Amino acid sequence: MDEHETCKHCHKYDKQMEQAKAKVEEVKKKLADLQKNKPGATKEIQKLTADLEQKKEQSEILRHQALGNRTKCPILNKLKSERKGCSKCQGQEKKKHRARVENPLQRVCVVDKEKTPEIYLLANNDVC
């Protein structure tokens, strides 16, 4: 796992994401200051709002690219496959509580299509 923490494949966009996040915060701060100090400067506010949206969009694109890199990481995929084959990990997985939800419904019956379409769900138990 230590190998994965420093993996260049997964952490390729980290610096760019941090820079984009800092730019978004900077634009937000400028926008808030402008709205407090000069509420009548609509053109500047619109310009900053558009800039903020653009920065957020770029940040989102970088985040999606980083996620794509992490899912394709050879080190992480190797760790996942080892975990699937590990008997100790499988034992822990079996210990986890899982709620079983049974579906007693067997079929759907539509009654009187012409006048009023009503749907009745027929269950294993008797229904009045």
C-alpha atoms as a PDB file:
ATOM      1  CA  MET A   1       0.000   0.000   0.000  1.00  0.00           C
ATOM      2  CA  ASP A   2       2.965   2.313   0.630  1.00  0.00           C
ATOM      3  CA  GLU A   3       3.886   1.866  -3.009  1.00  0.00           C
ATOM      4  CA  HIS A   4       0.438   3.048  -4.054  1.00  0.00           C
ATOM      5  CA  GLU A   5       0.590   6.162  -1.829  1.00  0.00           C
ATOM      6  CA  THR A   6       3.456   7.541  -3.938  1.00  0.00           C
ATOM      7  CA  CYS A   7       2.268   6.155  -7.280  1.00  0.00           C
ATOM      8  CA  LYS A   8       2.879   8.661 -10.086  1.00  0.00           C
ATOM      9  CA  HIS A   9       0.055   7.145 -12.121  1.00  0.00           C
ATOM     10  CA  CYS A  10      -2.595   7.982  -9.504  1.00  0.00           C
ATOM     11  CA  HIS A  11      -1.215  11.292  -8.297  1.00  0.00           C
ATOM     12  CA  LYS A  12      -0.509  12.775 -11.717  1.00  0.00           C
ATOM     13  CA  TYR A  13      -3.035  15.622 -11.393  1.00  0.00           C
ATOM     14  CA  ASP A  14      -2.658  16.413  -7.665  1.00  0.00           C
ATOM     15  CA  LYS A  15      -0.722  19.659  -8.106  1.00  0.00           C
ATOM     16  CA  GLN A  16      -3.041  20.881 -10.851  1.00  0.00           C
ATOM     17  CA  MET A  17      -6.079  20.081  -8.703  1.00  0.00           C
ATOM     18  CA  GLU A  18      -4.639  21.993  -5.749  1.00  0.00           C
ATOM     19  CA  GLN A  19      -3.890  24.988  -7.985  1.00  0.00           C
ATOM     20  CA  ALA A  20      -7.389  24.909  -9.468  1.00  0.00           C
ATOM     21  CA  LYS A  21      -8.913  24.716  -5.982  1.00  0.00           C
ATOM     22  CA  ALA A  22      -6.808  27.695  -4.854  1.00  0.00           C
ATOM     23  CA  LYS A  23      -7.912  29.697  -7.920  1.00  0.00           C
ATOM     24  CA  VAL A  24     -11.576  28.922  -7.204  1.00  0.00           C
ATOM     25  CA  GLU A  25     -11.183  30.071  -3.596  1.00  0.00           C
ATOM     26  CA  GLU A  26      -9.414  33.248  -4.756  1.00  0.00           C
ATOM     27  CA  VAL A  27     -12.173  34.108  -7.232  1.00  0.00           C
ATOM     28  CA  LYS A  28     -14.841  33.392  -4.592  1.00  0.00           C
ATOM     29  CA  LYS A  29     -13.091  35.737  -2.184  1.00  0.00           C
ATOM     30  CA  LYS A  30     -12.817  38.491  -4.819  1.00  0.00           C
ATOM     31  CA  LEU A  31     -16.490  38.068  -5.708  1.00  0.00           C
ATOM     32  CA  ALA A  32     -17.593  38.256  -2.070  1.00  0.00           C
ATOM     33  CA  ASP A  33     -15.470  41.382  -1.474  1.00  0.00           C
ATOM     34  CA  LEU A  34     -16.820  43.030  -4.600  1.00  0.00           C
ATOM     35  CA  GLN A  35     -20.423  42.266  -3.646  1.00  0.00           C
ATOM     36  CA  LYS A  36     -19.847  43.743  -0.167  1.00  0.00           C
ATOM     37  CA  ASN A  37     -17.965  46.860  -1.250  1.00  0.00           C
ATOM     38  CA  LYS A  38     -19.471  47.664  -4.659  1.00  0.00           C
ATOM     39  CA  PRO A  39     -22.916  46.085  -5.069  1.00  0.00           C
ATOM     40  CA  GLY A  40     -23.612  48.315  -8.112  1.00  0.00           C
ATOM     41  CA  ALA A  41     -20.733  46.958 -10.232  1.00  0.00           C
ATOM     42  CA  THR A  42     -22.830  44.394 -12.094  1.00  0.00           C
ATOM     43  CA  LYS A  43     -20.458  43.973 -15.051  1.00  0.00           C
ATOM     44  CA  GLU A  44     -17.528  43.106 -12.810  1.00  0.00           C
ATOM     45  CA  ILE A  45     -19.695  40.768 -10.731  1.00  0.00           C
ATOM     46  CA  GLN A  46     -20.942  39.003 -13.872  1.00  0.00           C
ATOM     47  CA  LYS A  47     -17.386  38.685 -15.159  1.00  0.00           C
ATOM     48  CA  LEU A  48     -16.178  37.176 -11.869  1.00  0.00           C
ATOM     49  CA  THR A  49     -19.179  34.849 -11.722  1.00  0.00           C
ATOM     50  CA  ALA A  50     -18.457  33.576 -15.227  1.00  0.00           C
ATOM     51  CA  ASP A  51     -14.790  33.167 -14.323  1.00  0.00           C
ATOM     52  CA  LEU A  52     -15.766  31.249 -11.184  1.00  0.00           C
ATOM     53  CA  GLU A  53     -17.970  28.877 -13.185  1.00  0.00           C
ATOM     54  CA  GLN A  54     -15.164  28.289 -15.685  1.00  0.00           C
ATOM     55  CA  LYS A  55     -12.655  27.538 -12.898  1.00  0.00           C
ATOM     56  CA  LYS A  56     -15.113  25.146 -11.244  1.00  0.00           C
ATOM     57  CA  GLU A  57     -15.657  23.359 -14.552  1.00  0.00           C
ATOM     58  CA  GLN A  58     -11.898  22.987 -15.100  1.00  0.00           C
ATOM     59  CA  SER A  59     -11.514  21.672 -11.555  1.00  0.00           C
ATOM     60  CA  GLU A  60     -14.273  19.117 -12.173  1.00  0.00           C
ATOM     61  CA  ILE A  61     -12.599  17.934 -15.389  1.00  0.00           C
ATOM     62  CA  LEU A  62      -9.300  17.469 -13.554  1.00  0.00           C
ATOM     63  CA  ARG A  63     -11.052  15.551 -10.790  1.00  0.00           C
ATOM     64  CA  HIS A  64     -12.648  13.171 -13.295  1.00  0.00           C
ATOM     65  CA  GLN A  65      -9.301  12.597 -15.025  1.00  0.00           C
ATOM     66  CA  ALA A  66      -7.651  11.865 -11.678  1.00  0.00           C
ATOM     67  CA  LEU A  67     -10.397   9.388 -10.801  1.00  0.00           C
ATOM     68  CA  GLY A  68      -9.943   7.680 -14.165  1.00  0.00           C
ATOM     69  CA  ASN A  69      -6.228   7.348 -13.499  1.00  0.00           C
ATOM     70  CA  ARG A  70      -6.846   5.824 -10.077  1.00  0.00           C
ATOM     71  CA  THR A  71      -9.199   3.191 -11.473  1.00  0.00           C
ATOM     72  CA  LYS A  72      -6.614   2.179 -14.070  1.00  0.00           C
ATOM     73  CA  CYS A  73      -3.679   2.116 -11.636  1.00  0.00           C
ATOM     74  CA  PRO A  74      -1.742  -1.157 -12.047  1.00  0.00           C
ATOM     75  CA  ILE A  75      -0.522  -1.123  -8.423  1.00  0.00           C
ATOM     76  CA  LEU A  76      -4.007  -0.631  -6.998  1.00  0.00           C
ATOM     77  CA  ASN A  77      -5.488  -3.297  -9.281  1.00  0.00           C
ATOM     78  CA  LYS A  78      -2.763  -5.712  -8.183  1.00  0.00           C
ATOM     79  CA  LEU A  79      -3.606  -5.006  -4.521  1.00  0.00           C
ATOM     80  CA  LYS A  80      -7.308  -5.572  -5.181  1.00  0.00           C
ATOM     81  CA  SER A  81      -6.652  -8.917  -6.859  1.00  0.00           C
ATOM     82  CA  GLU A  82      -4.411  -9.997  -3.958  1.00  0.00           C
ATOM     83  CA  ARG A  83      -7.147  -9.008  -1.518  1.00  0.00           C
ATOM     84  CA  LYS A  84      -9.678 -11.151  -3.396  1.00  0.00           C
ATOM     85  CA  GLY A  85      -7.388 -14.176  -3.155  1.00  0.00           C
ATOM     86  CA  CYS A  86      -6.495 -13.645   0.513  1.00  0.00           C
ATOM     87  CA  SER A  87      -8.260 -16.113   2.827  1.00  0.00           C
ATOM     88  CA  LYS A  88      -7.988 -13.743   5.797  1.00  0.00           C
ATOM     89  CA  CYS A  89      -9.721 -10.933   3.892  1.00  0.00           C
ATOM     90  CA  GLN A  90     -12.439 -13.284   2.687  1.00  0.00           C
ATOM     91  CA  GLY A  91     -13.036 -14.411   6.278  1.00  0.00           C
ATOM     92  CA  GLN A  92     -13.517 -10.801   7.342  1.00  0.00           C
ATOM     93  CA  GLU A  93     -15.900 -10.239   4.442  1.00  0.00           C
ATOM     94  CA  LYS A  94     -18.037 -13.184   5.603  1.00  0.00           C
ATOM     95  CA  LYS A  95     -18.209 -11.719   9.126  1.00  0.00           C
ATOM     96  CA  LYS A  96     -19.854  -8.552   7.875  1.00  0.00           C
ATOM     97  CA  HIS A  97     -23.575  -8.354   8.524  1.00  0.00           C
ATOM     98  CA  ARG A  98     -25.716  -8.280   5.429  1.00  0.00           C
ATOM     99  CA  ALA A  99     -29.446  -7.791   5.639  1.00  0.00           C
ATOM    100  CA  ARG A 100     -31.364 -10.174   3.426  1.00  0.00           C
ATOM    101  CA  VAL A 101     -34.401  -8.677   1.816  1.00  0.00           C
ATOM    102  CA  GLU A 102     -36.884 -11.178   0.511  1.00  0.00           C
ATOM    103  CA  ASN A 103     -39.376 -10.185  -2.114  1.00  0.00           C
ATOM    104  CA  PRO A 104     -42.674 -11.954  -1.417  1.00  0.00           C
ATOM    105  CA  LEU A 105     -44.311 -10.552  -4.546  1.00  0.00           C
ATOM    106  CA  GLN A 106     -45.007 -13.147  -7.195  1.00  0.00           C
ATOM    107  CA  ARG A 107     -46.916 -11.407  -9.968  1.00  0.00           C
ATOM    108  CA  VAL A 108     -48.869  -8.318 -10.940  1.00  0.00           C
ATOM    109  CA  CYS A 109     -52.518  -8.441 -11.869  1.00  0.00           C
ATOM    110  CA  VAL A 110     -54.321  -5.621 -13.738  1.00  0.00           C
ATOM    111  CA  VAL A 111     -58.051  -5.471 -13.046  1.00  0.00           C
ATOM    112  CA  ASP A 112     -60.661  -3.760 -15.205  1.00  0.00           C
ATOM    113  CA  LYS A 113     -58.546  -2.018 -17.851  1.00  0.00           C
ATOM    114  CA  GLU A 114     -61.428  -0.133 -19.508  1.00  0.00           C
ATOM    115  CA  LYS A 115     -62.981   1.723 -16.567  1.00  0.00           C
ATOM    116  CA  THR A 116     -60.159   2.285 -14.078  1.00  0.00           C
ATOM    117  CA  PRO A 117     -56.811   0.602 -14.453  1.00  0.00           C
ATOM    118  CA  GLU A 118     -55.859  -0.787 -11.057  1.00  0.00           C
ATOM    119  CA  ILE A 119     -52.742  -2.777 -10.345  1.00  0.00           C
ATOM    120  CA  TYR A 120     -52.687  -5.375  -7.588  1.00  0.00           C
ATOM    121  CA  LEU A 121     -49.466  -6.932  -6.387  1.00  0.00           C
ATOM    122  CA  LEU A 122     -50.073 -10.518  -5.357  1.00  0.00           C
ATOM    123  CA  ALA A 123     -47.973 -11.669  -2.409  1.00  0.00           C
ATOM    124  CA  ASN A 124     -47.252 -15.046  -0.820  1.00  0.00           C
ATOM    125  CA  ASN A 125     -49.634 -14.161   2.007  1.00  0.00           C
ATOM    126  CA  ASP A 126     -53.402 -13.872   1.632  1.00  0.00           C
ATOM    127  CA  VAL A 127     -54.495 -10.368   0.706  1.00  0.00           C
ATOM    128  CA  CYS A 128     -58.035  -9.067   1.262  1.00  0.00           C
END
